Amino acid sequence: MIETDMEELAELESRQIQILHRIAQLELSILPLSNNSQRQELSTSTTEARLSAVLVHGGVSDFSFKRAPSDYYDRSLEARRDILGAASIHHLCKSIVLVNTQAASDITDCSDRQNSKYYVVVVQYTARFSAESVKNFLYTINNGKIPKKRFNLRLAPEEISHKLTGFEHNGVTCVGMKTDIPVILDEAIAKLHPDFFWLGGGEIDLKLGIRTSEFINFTKPFIVNCSGS
């Protein structure tokens, strides 16, 4: 009985978020073009509502969105930590889209998780990303059947990243992307205590905080040791 009530509550919450999303979209469509500040605020509200609905539908319950000030990226990691209420600067993370520039000519999309043209890597701001570690990981999970020279992970151009995810630079997140891109989570994030980290929230000034275990259940990432201090 309790389980049924919880399922009904989750369904109700999901419907409420979807309604909020539709209202925000309607308001955005009728707002005068000259009122840029209001349009921007509504756009972010729409993004938050849409991504919230995606998360709830995916079984995620422990998450939070926060709006950051416009000069957020000009501030120190310590200041960003305080703005978001993060546990430490190591809990501040980013999502970057990578392209395998040496993939075989017939590898053009993300249909094969183990040998995808593109990957989204989630890494800490305090860490140094290692493309070589990802290369070695992909070589290993393919059982050595694909030559190492066929893996060369590089940062995807911004226009490609935007086309694949639907999000701008500094707003990229693994939630609600246009394309189902395989996710790689740096192992260091999975080991954080407390297990709640922050990453982009779909808009430049919107940040998403999420329980690590729920993020893993939702995105089904490869967990890879792909960074250093």
Protein backbone atom coordinates (compact mmCIF):
# COMPACT_ATOMS: atom_id res chain seq x y z
CA MET A 1 0.00 0.00 0.00
CA ILE A 2 2.81 2.40 0.95
CA GLU A 3 4.71 1.53 -2.24
CA THR A 4 1.61 2.25 -4.31
CA ASP A 5 1.13 5.62 -2.60
CA MET A 6 4.75 6.55 -3.32
CA GLU A 7 4.40 5.62 -6.98
CA GLU A 8 1.25 7.74 -7.24
CA LEU A 9 3.04 10.65 -5.55
CA ALA A 10 5.99 10.39 -7.94
CA GLU A 11 3.61 10.32 -10.91
CA LEU A 12 1.80 13.39 -9.57
CA GLU A 13 5.08 15.27 -9.10
CA SER A 14 6.14 14.38 -12.64
CA ARG A 15 2.86 15.69 -14.05
CA GLN A 16 3.15 18.91 -12.05
CA ILE A 17 6.65 19.52 -13.41
CA GLN A 18 5.46 18.87 -16.96
CA ILE A 19 2.60 21.36 -16.48
CA LEU A 20 5.07 23.94 -15.15
CA HIS A 21 7.26 23.34 -18.18
CA ARG A 22 4.35 23.91 -20.58
CA ILE A 23 3.27 27.10 -18.80
CA ALA A 24 6.81 28.48 -18.95
CA GLN A 25 7.03 27.67 -22.65
CA LEU A 26 3.74 29.48 -23.30
CA GLU A 27 4.85 32.54 -21.33
CA LEU A 28 8.14 32.59 -23.21
CA SER A 29 6.40 32.48 -26.58
CA ILE A 30 4.13 35.46 -25.88
CA LEU A 31 6.64 37.67 -24.04
CA PRO A 32 7.73 40.71 -26.15
CA LEU A 33 11.13 40.24 -27.78
CA SER A 34 12.35 43.52 -26.30
CA ASN A 35 12.09 42.23 -22.75
CA ASN A 36 15.32 40.22 -22.85
CA SER A 37 15.83 39.89 -19.08
CA GLN A 38 12.39 38.39 -18.53
CA ARG A 39 12.81 36.09 -21.53
CA GLN A 40 16.15 34.88 -20.17
CA GLU A 41 14.64 34.20 -16.73
CA LEU A 42 11.74 32.30 -18.25
CA SER A 43 14.10 30.36 -20.51
CA THR A 44 16.05 29.18 -17.48
CA SER A 45 12.82 28.33 -15.66
CA THR A 46 11.77 26.30 -18.68
CA THR A 47 15.10 24.49 -18.72
CA GLU A 48 14.89 23.73 -15.00
CA ALA A 49 11.34 22.42 -15.36
CA ARG A 50 12.23 20.26 -18.36
CA LEU A 51 15.32 18.75 -16.76
CA SER A 52 13.50 18.24 -13.47
CA ALA A 53 10.83 16.27 -15.31
CA VAL A 54 13.51 14.17 -17.02
CA LEU A 55 15.18 13.42 -13.68
CA VAL A 56 11.97 12.56 -11.85
CA HIS A 57 10.87 10.33 -14.72
CA GLY A 58 14.26 8.61 -14.48
CA GLY A 59 13.78 7.85 -10.79
CA VAL A 60 16.01 10.63 -9.43
CA SER A 61 14.70 12.35 -6.29
CA ASP A 62 17.71 13.95 -4.60
CA PHE A 63 18.68 16.88 -6.81
CA SER A 64 18.64 20.65 -6.72
CA PHE A 65 18.97 23.55 -9.15
CA LYS A 66 20.60 26.86 -8.24
CA ARG A 67 21.01 30.05 -10.25
CA ALA A 68 24.56 31.42 -10.20
CA PRO A 69 25.48 35.10 -10.63
CA SER A 70 26.58 36.25 -14.08
CA ASP A 71 30.22 36.56 -12.97
CA TYR A 72 30.27 33.02 -11.55
CA TYR A 73 33.14 31.86 -13.78
CA ASP A 74 35.21 34.91 -12.90
CA ARG A 75 35.19 33.88 -9.23
CA SER A 76 37.46 31.48 -7.40
CA LEU A 77 36.51 27.85 -6.84
CA GLU A 78 36.09 28.67 -3.15
CA ALA A 79 33.59 31.42 -4.00
CA ARG A 80 31.70 29.11 -6.37
CA ARG A 81 31.58 26.47 -3.63
CA ASP A 82 29.99 28.99 -1.26
CA ILE A 83 27.48 30.18 -3.87
CA LEU A 84 26.21 26.65 -4.45
CA GLY A 85 26.63 25.43 -0.89
CA ALA A 86 28.84 22.60 -2.15
CA ALA A 87 30.66 20.43 0.38
CA SER A 88 34.07 21.35 -1.07
CA ILE A 89 35.71 22.71 -4.21
CA HIS A 90 36.25 19.08 -5.24
CA HIS A 91 32.45 18.69 -5.49
CA LEU A 92 32.37 21.24 -8.34
CA CYS A 93 32.34 19.37 -11.65
CA LYS A 94 31.87 19.97 -15.36
CA SER A 95 30.68 17.99 -18.37
CA ILE A 96 32.79 18.07 -21.52
CA VAL A 97 31.97 16.56 -24.90
CA LEU A 98 34.77 14.61 -26.52
CA VAL A 99 35.09 13.42 -30.11
CA ASN A 100 37.14 10.43 -31.22
CA THR A 101 38.97 11.99 -34.13
CA GLN A 102 40.52 8.68 -35.19
CA ALA A 103 37.36 6.56 -35.17
CA ALA A 104 36.84 4.35 -38.22
CA SER A 105 34.87 5.98 -41.04
CA ASP A 106 31.78 3.91 -40.25
CA ILE A 107 31.71 5.15 -36.62
CA THR A 108 29.74 8.37 -36.92
CA ASP A 109 27.31 8.35 -33.99
CA CYS A 110 26.79 7.10 -30.43
CA SER A 111 24.98 3.85 -31.13
CA ASP A 112 27.85 1.73 -29.80
CA ARG A 113 28.64 2.75 -26.21
CA GLN A 114 31.95 0.92 -26.26
CA ASN A 115 33.09 2.48 -29.52
CA SER A 116 31.25 5.76 -29.84
CA LYS A 117 32.19 8.74 -31.95
CA TYR A 118 31.38 11.00 -28.99
CA TYR A 119 31.51 10.80 -25.19
CA VAL A 120 30.53 13.13 -22.38
CA VAL A 121 33.05 13.12 -19.55
CA VAL A 122 32.19 14.44 -16.10
CA VAL A 123 35.30 15.58 -14.24
CA GLN A 124 36.15 17.81 -11.26
CA TYR A 125 37.33 21.38 -11.79
CA THR A 126 40.19 20.59 -9.42
CA ALA A 127 41.37 17.62 -11.49
CA ARG A 128 43.43 17.35 -14.64
CA PHE A 129 41.63 15.32 -17.27
CA SER A 130 43.62 12.52 -18.93
CA ALA A 131 42.48 11.66 -22.46
CA GLU A 132 45.11 8.93 -22.50
CA SER A 133 43.36 7.15 -19.60
CA VAL A 134 40.08 7.18 -21.51
CA LYS A 135 41.85 5.89 -24.60
CA ASN A 136 43.30 2.98 -22.63
CA PHE A 137 39.92 2.25 -21.05
CA LEU A 138 38.14 2.09 -24.40
CA TYR A 139 40.87 -0.11 -25.82
CA THR A 140 40.44 -2.48 -22.86
CA ILE A 141 36.64 -2.76 -22.94
CA ASN A 142 36.85 -3.58 -26.63
CA ASN A 143 39.15 -6.48 -25.72
CA GLY A 144 41.94 -5.11 -27.85
CA LYS A 145 39.97 -5.82 -31.03
CA ILE A 146 40.20 -2.17 -32.07
CA PRO A 147 43.75 -0.79 -32.48
CA LYS A 148 44.75 1.89 -29.97
CA LYS A 149 45.46 4.24 -32.85
CA ARG A 150 41.69 4.28 -33.48
CA PHE A 151 41.12 6.11 -30.18
CA ASN A 152 42.09 9.76 -30.00
CA LEU A 153 39.78 11.71 -27.71
CA ARG A 154 39.75 15.46 -28.14
CA LEU A 155 37.48 18.27 -26.99
CA ALA A 156 34.63 18.58 -29.48
CA PRO A 157 34.19 22.00 -31.13
CA GLU A 158 31.56 24.13 -29.39
CA GLU A 159 29.20 24.00 -32.35
CA ILE A 160 29.32 20.19 -32.35
CA SER A 161 28.84 20.05 -28.59
CA HIS A 162 25.82 22.35 -28.84
CA LYS A 163 24.33 20.37 -31.72
CA LEU A 164 24.65 17.08 -29.85
CA THR A 165 23.57 18.23 -26.39
CA GLY A 166 21.40 21.27 -27.03
CA PHE A 167 23.38 23.15 -24.37
CA GLU A 168 25.80 26.06 -24.56
CA HIS A 169 29.37 26.16 -23.26
CA ASN A 170 29.41 26.15 -19.43
CA GLY A 171 25.82 24.93 -19.43
CA VAL A 172 26.42 21.39 -20.72
CA THR A 173 24.90 18.65 -18.60
CA CYS A 174 24.27 14.91 -18.97
CA VAL A 175 20.55 15.35 -18.35
CA GLY A 176 18.10 15.87 -21.21
CA MET A 177 20.66 15.94 -24.02
CA LYS A 178 19.42 15.93 -27.61
CA THR A 179 21.61 12.92 -28.30
CA ASP A 180 22.03 9.87 -26.10
CA ILE A 181 25.79 10.25 -25.69
CA PRO A 182 27.61 7.69 -23.53
CA VAL A 183 28.74 9.20 -20.22
CA ILE A 184 32.11 8.70 -18.55
CA LEU A 185 32.26 9.64 -14.86
CA ASP A 186 35.65 10.21 -13.34
CA GLU A 187 36.22 7.69 -10.56
CA ALA A 188 37.25 10.44 -8.14
CA ILE A 189 33.71 11.87 -8.24
CA ALA A 190 32.21 8.49 -7.36
CA LYS A 191 34.43 8.45 -4.25
CA LEU A 192 33.45 11.90 -2.96
CA HIS A 193 32.08 12.33 0.55
CA PRO A 194 29.42 13.46 0.95
CA ASP A 195 28.16 11.89 -2.28
CA PHE A 196 26.42 14.95 -3.72
CA PHE A 197 28.16 16.95 -6.46
CA TRP A 198 27.44 19.92 -8.72
CA LEU A 199 27.64 20.26 -12.51
CA GLY A 200 26.15 22.35 -15.31
CA GLY A 201 22.37 22.64 -15.33
CA GLY A 202 21.52 23.30 -18.98
CA GLU A 203 22.02 27.08 -18.88
CA ILE A 204 25.23 29.04 -18.32
CA ASP A 205 23.98 30.42 -14.99
CA LEU A 206 22.04 27.33 -13.91
CA LYS A 207 23.74 24.63 -11.85
CA LEU A 208 22.54 21.14 -10.94
CA GLY A 209 23.39 19.37 -7.71
CA ILE A 210 22.69 15.65 -7.57
CA ARG A 211 23.22 12.60 -5.36
CA THR A 212 26.10 10.64 -6.89
CA SER A 213 24.45 7.24 -6.55
CA GLU A 214 21.30 8.51 -8.26
CA PHE A 215 23.34 10.14 -11.02
CA ILE A 216 25.04 6.79 -11.65
CA ASN A 217 21.73 4.92 -11.71
CA PHE A 218 20.28 7.51 -14.08
CA THR A 219 23.10 7.99 -16.61
CA LYS A 220 24.62 4.47 -16.41
CA PRO A 221 28.11 5.90 -16.94
CA PHE A 222 31.41 4.21 -17.42
CA ILE A 223 33.32 4.95 -14.21
CA VAL A 224 36.92 5.55 -15.16
CA ASN A 225 40.03 6.80 -13.39
CA CYS A 226 40.66 9.55 -15.91
CA SER A 227 42.15 12.44 -13.99
CA GLY A 228 44.93 13.54 -11.69
CA SER A 229 45.46 16.41 -9.28
